[in-house]
Protein backbone atom coordinates (compact mmCIF):
# COMPACT_ATOMS: atom_id res chain seq x y z
CA UNK A 1 0.00 0.00 0.00
CA UNK A 2 1.36 3.38 -0.93
CA UNK A 3 1.63 6.06 1.68
CA UNK A 4 0.56 9.65 1.01
CA UNK A 5 4.23 10.62 1.19
CA UNK A 6 5.10 8.12 -1.54
CA UNK A 7 2.38 9.51 -3.79
CA UNK A 8 3.44 13.12 -3.30
CA UNK A 9 7.16 12.39 -3.75
CA UNK A 10 6.77 10.15 -6.81
CA UNK A 11 8.84 11.31 -9.78
CA UNK A 12 8.79 10.02 -13.34
CA UNK A 13 11.65 9.87 -15.81
CA UNK A 14 11.45 12.46 -18.55
CA UNK A 15 10.55 11.25 -22.02
CA UNK A 16 12.42 12.21 -25.16
CA UNK A 17 10.18 15.21 -25.90
CA UNK A 18 10.31 16.60 -22.37
CA UNK A 19 7.13 14.96 -21.08
CA UNK A 20 6.84 11.94 -18.83
CA UNK A 21 7.26 8.33 -19.90
CA UNK A 22 3.76 6.96 -20.45
CA UNK A 23 4.67 3.48 -19.21
CA UNK A 24 5.98 4.81 -15.89
CA UNK A 25 2.91 7.00 -15.38
CA UNK A 26 0.54 4.17 -16.33
CA UNK A 27 2.30 1.78 -13.93
CA UNK A 28 2.07 4.33 -11.11
CA UNK A 29 -1.61 5.00 -11.80
CA UNK A 30 -2.36 1.26 -11.87
CA UNK A 31 -0.75 0.81 -8.45
CA UNK A 32 -2.53 3.88 -7.11
CA UNK A 33 -5.85 2.58 -8.46
CA UNK A 34 -5.31 -0.81 -6.77
CA UNK A 35 -4.54 0.85 -3.45
CA UNK A 36 -7.48 3.23 -3.72
CA UNK A 37 -9.84 0.38 -4.59
CA UNK A 38 -8.65 -1.61 -1.59
CA UNK A 39 -9.06 1.39 0.73
CA UNK A 40 -12.52 2.13 -0.68
CA UNK A 41 -13.68 -1.44 -0.06
CA UNK A 42 -12.19 -1.45 3.43
CA UNK A 43 -13.81 1.88 4.22
CA UNK A 44 -17.20 0.62 3.03
CA UNK A 45 -16.86 -2.53 5.15
CA UNK A 46 -15.84 -0.52 8.22
CA UNK A 47 -18.78 1.86 7.80
CA UNK A 48 -21.08 -1.17 7.71
CA UNK A 49 -19.47 -2.57 10.84
CA UNK A 50 -19.84 0.78 12.63
CA UNK A 51 -23.52 0.83 11.70
CA UNK A 52 -23.98 -2.69 13.11
CA UNK A 53 -22.19 -1.80 16.34
CA UNK A 54 -24.22 1.39 16.77
CA UNK A 55 -27.42 -0.61 16.33
CA UNK A 56 -26.21 -3.08 18.94
CA UNK A 57 -25.41 -0.23 21.34
CA UNK A 58 -28.92 1.18 20.84
CA UNK A 59 -30.35 -2.27 21.55
CA UNK A 60 -28.36 -2.57 24.77
CA UNK A 61 -29.43 0.93 25.84
CA UNK A 62 -33.07 -0.03 25.39
CA UNK A 63 -32.54 -3.16 27.46
CA UNK A 64 -30.81 -1.07 30.12
CA UNK A 65 -33.70 1.41 30.21
CA UNK A 66 -36.19 -1.43 30.51
CA UNK A 67 -34.23 -2.99 33.36
CA UNK A 68 -34.00 0.35 35.18
CA UNK A 69 -37.73 0.91 34.80
CA UNK A 70 -38.44 -2.60 36.07
CA UNK A 71 -36.18 -2.13 39.09
CA UNK A 72 -37.78 1.17 39.99
PDB file of N, CA and C in Angstrom:
ATOM      1  N   UNK A   1       0.844  -1.167   0.000  1.00  0.00           N
ATOM      2  CA  UNK A   1       0.000   0.000   0.000  1.00  0.00           C
ATOM      3  C   UNK A   1       0.895   1.237   0.000  1.00  0.00           C
ATOM      4  N   UNK A   2       0.565   2.153  -0.831  1.00  0.00           N
ATOM      5  CA  UNK A   2       1.363   3.377  -0.929  1.00  0.00           C
ATOM      6  C   UNK A   2       0.945   4.368   0.152  1.00  0.00           C
ATOM      7  N   UNK A   3       1.917   5.034   0.694  1.00  0.00           N
ATOM      8  CA  UNK A   3       1.629   6.062   1.683  1.00  0.00           C
ATOM      9  C   UNK A   3       1.398   7.396   0.965  1.00  0.00           C
ATOM     10  N   UNK A   4       0.734   8.335   1.630  1.00  0.00           N
ATOM     11  CA  UNK A   4       0.563   9.652   1.005  1.00  0.00           C
ATOM     12  C   UNK A   4       1.902  10.304   0.651  1.00  0.00           C
ATOM     13  N   UNK A   5       2.915  10.053   1.470  1.00  0.00           N
ATOM     14  CA  UNK A   5       4.230  10.620   1.186  1.00  0.00           C
ATOM     15  C   UNK A   5       4.813  10.043  -0.107  1.00  0.00           C
ATOM     16  N   UNK A   6       4.600   8.746  -0.320  1.00  0.00           N
ATOM     17  CA  UNK A   6       5.102   8.120  -1.544  1.00  0.00           C
ATOM     18  C   UNK A   6       4.412   8.694  -2.775  1.00  0.00           C
ATOM     19  N   UNK A   7       3.125   8.947  -2.666  1.00  0.00           N
ATOM     20  CA  UNK A   7       2.380   9.512  -3.791  1.00  0.00           C
ATOM     21  C   UNK A   7       2.893  10.916  -4.100  1.00  0.00           C
ATOM     22  N   UNK A   8       3.033  11.733  -3.059  1.00  0.00           N
ATOM     23  CA  UNK A   8       3.436  13.122  -3.299  1.00  0.00           C
ATOM     24  C   UNK A   8       4.896  13.243  -3.741  1.00  0.00           C
ATOM     25  N   UNK A   9       5.738  12.287  -3.377  1.00  0.00           N
ATOM     26  CA  UNK A   9       7.155  12.386  -3.747  1.00  0.00           C
ATOM     27  C   UNK A   9       7.502  11.599  -5.013  1.00  0.00           C
ATOM     28  N   UNK A  10       6.518  10.956  -5.619  1.00  0.00           N
ATOM     29  CA  UNK A  10       6.771  10.151  -6.807  1.00  0.00           C
ATOM     30  C   UNK A  10       7.256  11.028  -7.952  1.00  0.00           C
ATOM     31  N   UNK A  11       8.331  10.613  -8.608  1.00  0.00           N
ATOM     32  CA  UNK A  11       8.838  11.309  -9.784  1.00  0.00           C
ATOM     33  C   UNK A  11       8.878  10.328 -10.945  1.00  0.00           C
ATOM     34  N   UNK A  12       8.771  10.849 -12.135  1.00  0.00           N
ATOM     35  CA  UNK A  12       8.792  10.023 -13.344  1.00  0.00           C
ATOM     36  C   UNK A  12       9.970  10.455 -14.209  1.00  0.00           C
ATOM     37  N   UNK A  13      10.561   9.492 -14.903  1.00  0.00           N
ATOM     38  CA  UNK A  13      11.653   9.867 -15.812  1.00  0.00           C
ATOM     39  C   UNK A  13      11.102  10.675 -16.987  1.00  0.00           C
ATOM     40  N   UNK A  14      11.866  11.633 -17.408  1.00  0.00           N
ATOM     41  CA  UNK A  14      11.455  12.464 -18.549  1.00  0.00           C
ATOM     42  C   UNK A  14      11.527  11.655 -19.841  1.00  0.00           C
ATOM     43  N   UNK A  15      10.570  11.894 -20.711  1.00  0.00           N
ATOM     44  CA  UNK A  15      10.553  11.255 -22.019  1.00  0.00           C
ATOM     45  C   UNK A  15      11.416  12.068 -22.979  1.00  0.00           C
ATOM     46  N   UNK A  16      11.560  11.572 -24.150  1.00  0.00           N
ATOM     47  CA  UNK A  16      12.417  12.207 -25.159  1.00  0.00           C
ATOM     48  C   UNK A  16      11.972  13.638 -25.451  1.00  0.00           C
ATOM     49  N   UNK A  17      10.697  13.889 -25.530  1.00  0.00           N
ATOM     50  CA  UNK A  17      10.183  15.208 -25.904  1.00  0.00           C
ATOM     51  C   UNK A  17       9.992  16.122 -24.694  1.00  0.00           C
ATOM     52  N   UNK A  18      10.421  15.743 -23.539  1.00  0.00           N
ATOM     53  CA  UNK A  18      10.310  16.604 -22.369  1.00  0.00           C
ATOM     54  C   UNK A  18       9.126  16.284 -21.476  1.00  0.00           C
ATOM     55  N   UNK A  19       8.260  15.373 -21.903  1.00  0.00           N
ATOM     56  CA  UNK A  19       7.129  14.956 -21.075  1.00  0.00           C
ATOM     57  C   UNK A  19       7.535  13.778 -20.199  1.00  0.00           C
ATOM     58  N   UNK A  20       6.567  13.102 -19.677  1.00  0.00           N
ATOM     59  CA  UNK A  20       6.842  11.939 -18.835  1.00  0.00           C
ATOM     60  C   UNK A  20       6.656  10.663 -19.632  1.00  0.00           C
ATOM     61  N   UNK A  21       7.394   9.619 -19.236  1.00  0.00           N
ATOM     62  CA  UNK A  21       7.256   8.332 -19.897  1.00  0.00           C
ATOM     63  C   UNK A  21       5.891   7.736 -19.591  1.00  0.00           C
ATOM     64  N   UNK A  22       5.135   7.453 -20.622  1.00  0.00           N
ATOM     65  CA  UNK A  22       3.763   6.956 -20.455  1.00  0.00           C
ATOM     66  C   UNK A  22       3.725   5.653 -19.671  1.00  0.00           C
ATOM     67  N   UNK A  23       4.677   4.776 -19.898  1.00  0.00           N
ATOM     68  CA  UNK A  23       4.675   3.477 -19.215  1.00  0.00           C
ATOM     69  C   UNK A  23       4.852   3.670 -17.714  1.00  0.00           C
ATOM     70  N   UNK A  24       5.749   4.563 -17.314  1.00  0.00           N
ATOM     71  CA  UNK A  24       5.979   4.806 -15.886  1.00  0.00           C
ATOM     72  C   UNK A  24       4.745   5.417 -15.238  1.00  0.00           C
ATOM     73  N   UNK A  25       4.120   6.357 -15.916  1.00  0.00           N
ATOM     74  CA  UNK A  25       2.911   6.998 -15.377  1.00  0.00           C
ATOM     75  C   UNK A  25       1.785   5.981 -15.285  1.00  0.00           C
ATOM     76  N   UNK A  26       1.597   5.186 -16.332  1.00  0.00           N
ATOM     77  CA  UNK A  26       0.543   4.170 -16.325  1.00  0.00           C
ATOM     78  C   UNK A  26       0.750   3.159 -15.204  1.00  0.00           C
ATOM     79  N   UNK A  27       1.992   2.737 -14.998  1.00  0.00           N
ATOM     80  CA  UNK A  27       2.303   1.784 -13.927  1.00  0.00           C
ATOM     81  C   UNK A  27       1.978   2.386 -12.558  1.00  0.00           C
ATOM     82  N   UNK A  28       2.353   3.641 -12.376  1.00  0.00           N
ATOM     83  CA  UNK A  28       2.072   4.329 -11.113  1.00  0.00           C
ATOM     84  C   UNK A  28       0.564   4.454 -10.894  1.00  0.00           C
ATOM     85  N   UNK A  29      -0.159   4.848 -11.919  1.00  0.00           N
ATOM     86  CA  UNK A  29      -1.614   4.997 -11.796  1.00  0.00           C
ATOM     87  C   UNK A  29      -2.299   3.663 -11.532  1.00  0.00           C
ATOM     88  N   UNK A  30      -1.795   2.585 -12.132  1.00  0.00           N
ATOM     89  CA  UNK A  30      -2.358   1.257 -11.870  1.00  0.00           C
ATOM     90  C   UNK A  30      -2.192   0.885 -10.399  1.00  0.00           C
ATOM     91  N   UNK A  31      -0.993   1.113  -9.864  1.00  0.00           N
ATOM     92  CA  UNK A  31      -0.746   0.813  -8.452  1.00  0.00           C
ATOM     93  C   UNK A  31      -1.620   1.686  -7.551  1.00  0.00           C
ATOM     94  N   UNK A  32      -1.717   2.951  -7.885  1.00  0.00           N
ATOM     95  CA  UNK A  32      -2.535   3.878  -7.107  1.00  0.00           C
ATOM     96  C   UNK A  32      -4.007   3.467  -7.152  1.00  0.00           C
ATOM     97  N   UNK A  33      -4.471   3.027  -8.311  1.00  0.00           N
ATOM     98  CA  UNK A  33      -5.855   2.576  -8.457  1.00  0.00           C
ATOM     99  C   UNK A  33      -6.115   1.336  -7.613  1.00  0.00           C
ATOM    100  N   UNK A  34      -5.166   0.394  -7.602  1.00  0.00           N
ATOM    101  CA  UNK A  34      -5.306  -0.807  -6.772  1.00  0.00           C
ATOM    102  C   UNK A  34      -5.417  -0.439  -5.300  1.00  0.00           C
ATOM    103  N   UNK A  35      -4.525   0.437  -4.852  1.00  0.00           N
ATOM    104  CA  UNK A  35      -4.539   0.853  -3.449  1.00  0.00           C
ATOM    105  C   UNK A  35      -5.837   1.576  -3.098  1.00  0.00           C
ATOM    106  N   UNK A  36      -6.258   2.475  -3.964  1.00  0.00           N
ATOM    107  CA  UNK A  36      -7.483   3.232  -3.717  1.00  0.00           C
ATOM    108  C   UNK A  36      -8.690   2.294  -3.662  1.00  0.00           C
ATOM    109  N   UNK A  37      -8.737   1.336  -4.572  1.00  0.00           N
ATOM    110  CA  UNK A  37      -9.841   0.381  -4.589  1.00  0.00           C
ATOM    111  C   UNK A  37      -9.885  -0.415  -3.290  1.00  0.00           C
ATOM    112  N   UNK A  38      -8.726  -0.864  -2.841  1.00  0.00           N
ATOM    113  CA  UNK A  38      -8.645  -1.613  -1.586  1.00  0.00           C
ATOM    114  C   UNK A  38      -9.117  -0.755  -0.410  1.00  0.00           C
ATOM    115  N   UNK A  39      -8.659   0.480  -0.356  1.00  0.00           N
ATOM    116  CA  UNK A  39      -9.058   1.385   0.725  1.00  0.00           C
ATOM    117  C   UNK A  39     -10.556   1.686   0.675  1.00  0.00           C
ATOM    118  N   UNK A  40     -11.095   1.847  -0.528  1.00  0.00           N
ATOM    119  CA  UNK A  40     -12.517   2.126  -0.684  1.00  0.00           C
ATOM    120  C   UNK A  40     -13.355   0.961  -0.171  1.00  0.00           C
ATOM    121  N   UNK A  41     -12.952  -0.260  -0.532  1.00  0.00           N
ATOM    122  CA  UNK A  41     -13.677  -1.443  -0.062  1.00  0.00           C
ATOM    123  C   UNK A  41     -13.581  -1.588   1.450  1.00  0.00           C
ATOM    124  N   UNK A  42     -12.382  -1.355   1.991  1.00  0.00           N
ATOM    125  CA  UNK A  42     -12.185  -1.451   3.432  1.00  0.00           C
ATOM    126  C   UNK A  42     -13.014  -0.391   4.162  1.00  0.00           C
ATOM    127  N   UNK A  43     -13.031   0.802   3.618  1.00  0.00           N
ATOM    128  CA  UNK A  43     -13.806   1.883   4.216  1.00  0.00           C
ATOM    129  C   UNK A  43     -15.299   1.548   4.219  1.00  0.00           C
ATOM    130  N   UNK A  44     -15.794   1.002   3.127  1.00  0.00           N
ATOM    131  CA  UNK A  44     -17.199   0.616   3.034  1.00  0.00           C
ATOM    132  C   UNK A  44     -17.531  -0.467   4.064  1.00  0.00           C
ATOM    133  N   UNK A  45     -16.647  -1.455   4.187  1.00  0.00           N
ATOM    134  CA  UNK A  45     -16.862  -2.529   5.153  1.00  0.00           C
ATOM    135  C   UNK A  45     -16.849  -1.988   6.580  1.00  0.00           C
ATOM    136  N   UNK A  46     -15.926  -1.085   6.875  1.00  0.00           N
ATOM    137  CA  UNK A  46     -15.841  -0.523   8.222  1.00  0.00           C
ATOM    138  C   UNK A  46     -17.058   0.340   8.555  1.00  0.00           C
ATOM    139  N   UNK A  47     -17.557   1.065   7.577  1.00  0.00           N
ATOM    140  CA  UNK A  47     -18.777   1.857   7.796  1.00  0.00           C
ATOM    141  C   UNK A  47     -19.953   0.934   8.118  1.00  0.00           C
ATOM    142  N   UNK A  48     -20.024  -0.191   7.419  1.00  0.00           N
ATOM    143  CA  UNK A  48     -21.082  -1.166   7.706  1.00  0.00           C
ATOM    144  C   UNK A  48     -20.944  -1.734   9.104  1.00  0.00           C
ATOM    145  N   UNK A  49     -19.728  -2.020   9.489  1.00  0.00           N
ATOM    146  CA  UNK A  49     -19.470  -2.565  10.840  1.00  0.00           C
ATOM    147  C   UNK A  49     -19.831  -1.540  11.913  1.00  0.00           C
ATOM    148  N   UNK A  50     -19.483  -0.288  11.682  1.00  0.00           N
ATOM    149  CA  UNK A  50     -19.836   0.778  12.627  1.00  0.00           C
ATOM    150  C   UNK A  50     -21.350   0.872  12.770  1.00  0.00           C
ATOM    151  N   UNK A  51     -22.056   0.770  11.659  1.00  0.00           N
ATOM    152  CA  UNK A  51     -23.522   0.827  11.704  1.00  0.00           C
ATOM    153  C   UNK A  51     -24.071  -0.327  12.545  1.00  0.00           C
ATOM    154  N   UNK A  52     -23.540  -1.526  12.336  1.00  0.00           N
ATOM    155  CA  UNK A  52     -23.977  -2.687  13.112  1.00  0.00           C
ATOM    156  C   UNK A  52     -23.717  -2.480  14.604  1.00  0.00           C
ATOM    157  N   UNK A  53     -22.544  -1.994  14.931  1.00  0.00           N
ATOM    158  CA  UNK A  53     -22.190  -1.796  16.336  1.00  0.00           C
ATOM    159  C   UNK A  53     -23.048  -0.710  16.986  1.00  0.00           C
ATOM    160  N   UNK A  54     -23.341   0.347  16.241  1.00  0.00           N
ATOM    161  CA  UNK A  54     -24.215   1.392  16.774  1.00  0.00           C
ATOM    162  C   UNK A  54     -25.625   0.862  17.019  1.00  0.00           C
ATOM    163  N   UNK A  55     -26.101   0.003  16.125  1.00  0.00           N
ATOM    164  CA  UNK A  55     -27.419  -0.605  16.328  1.00  0.00           C
ATOM    165  C   UNK A  55     -27.417  -1.494  17.569  1.00  0.00           C
ATOM    166  N   UNK A  56     -26.338  -2.214  17.768  1.00  0.00           N
ATOM    167  CA  UNK A  56     -26.215  -3.081  18.941  1.00  0.00           C
ATOM    168  C   UNK A  56     -26.176  -2.239  20.221  1.00  0.00           C
ATOM    169  N   UNK A  57     -25.457  -1.125  20.188  1.00  0.00           N
ATOM    170  CA  UNK A  57     -25.414  -0.225  21.343  1.00  0.00           C
ATOM    171  C   UNK A  57     -26.805   0.294  21.658  1.00  0.00           C
ATOM    172  N   UNK A  58     -27.546   0.693  20.633  1.00  0.00           N
ATOM    173  CA  UNK A  58     -28.919   1.176  20.844  1.00  0.00           C
ATOM    174  C   UNK A  58     -29.780   0.083  21.469  1.00  0.00           C
ATOM    175  N   UNK A  59     -29.595  -1.140  21.002  1.00  0.00           N
ATOM    176  CA  UNK A  59     -30.353  -2.270  21.551  1.00  0.00           C
ATOM    177  C   UNK A  59     -30.030  -2.459  23.034  1.00  0.00           C
ATOM    178  N   UNK A  60     -28.756  -2.403  23.369  1.00  0.00           N
ATOM    179  CA  UNK A  60     -28.359  -2.566  24.774  1.00  0.00           C
ATOM    180  C   UNK A  60     -28.863  -1.406  25.635  1.00  0.00           C
ATOM    181  N   UNK A  61     -28.901  -0.219  25.083  1.00  0.00           N
ATOM    182  CA  UNK A  61     -29.430   0.927  25.835  1.00  0.00           C
ATOM    183  C   UNK A  61     -30.916   0.741  26.133  1.00  0.00           C
ATOM    184  N   UNK A  62     -31.644   0.222  25.174  1.00  0.00           N
ATOM    185  CA  UNK A  62     -33.071  -0.029  25.387  1.00  0.00           C
ATOM    186  C   UNK A  62     -33.272  -1.083  26.470  1.00  0.00           C
ATOM    187  N   UNK A  63     -32.459  -2.118  26.428  1.00  0.00           N
ATOM    188  CA  UNK A  63     -32.538  -3.158  27.456  1.00  0.00           C
ATOM    189  C   UNK A  63     -32.217  -2.557  28.823  1.00  0.00           C
ATOM    190  N   UNK A  64     -31.190  -1.719  28.867  1.00  0.00           N
ATOM    191  CA  UNK A  64     -30.808  -1.074  30.120  1.00  0.00           C
ATOM    192  C   UNK A  64     -31.952  -0.210  30.654  1.00  0.00           C
ATOM    193  N   UNK A  65     -32.572   0.556  29.787  1.00  0.00           N
ATOM    194  CA  UNK A  65     -33.695   1.407  30.214  1.00  0.00           C
ATOM    195  C   UNK A  65     -34.855   0.560  30.732  1.00  0.00           C
ATOM    196  N   UNK A  66     -35.119  -0.549  30.071  1.00  0.00           N
ATOM    197  CA  UNK A  66     -36.195  -1.432  30.513  1.00  0.00           C
ATOM    198  C   UNK A  66     -35.879  -2.032  31.888  1.00  0.00           C
ATOM    199  N   UNK A  67     -34.632  -2.422  32.090  1.00  0.00           N
ATOM    200  CA  UNK A  67     -34.234  -2.990  33.364  1.00  0.00           C
ATOM    201  C   UNK A  67     -34.323  -1.940  34.485  1.00  0.00           C
ATOM    202  N   UNK A  68     -33.915  -0.716  34.183  1.00  0.00           N
ATOM    203  CA  UNK A  68     -34.002   0.352  35.181  1.00  0.00           C
ATOM    204  C   UNK A  68     -35.467   0.620  35.560  1.00  0.00           C
ATOM    205  N   UNK A  69     -36.306   0.657  34.546  1.00  0.00           N
ATOM    206  CA  UNK A  69     -37.733   0.908  34.801  1.00  0.00           C
ATOM    207  C   UNK A  69     -38.333  -0.236  35.623  1.00  0.00           C
ATOM    208  N   UNK A  70     -37.932  -1.438  35.328  1.00  0.00           N
ATOM    209  CA  UNK A  70     -38.441  -2.596  36.065  1.00  0.00           C
ATOM    210  C   UNK A  70     -37.978  -2.560  37.520  1.00  0.00           C
ATOM    211  N   UNK A  71     -36.720  -2.184  37.729  1.00  0.00           N
ATOM    212  CA  UNK A  71     -36.184  -2.132  39.088  1.00  0.00           C
ATOM    213  C   UNK A  71     -36.810  -1.005  39.914  1.00  0.00           C
ATOM    214  N   UNK A  72     -37.164   0.057  39.269  1.00  0.00           N
ATOM    215  CA  UNK A  72     -37.776   1.167  39.986  1.00  0.00           C
ATOM    216  C   UNK A  72     -39.227   0.862  40.266  1.00  0.00           C
TER     217      UNK A  72
END
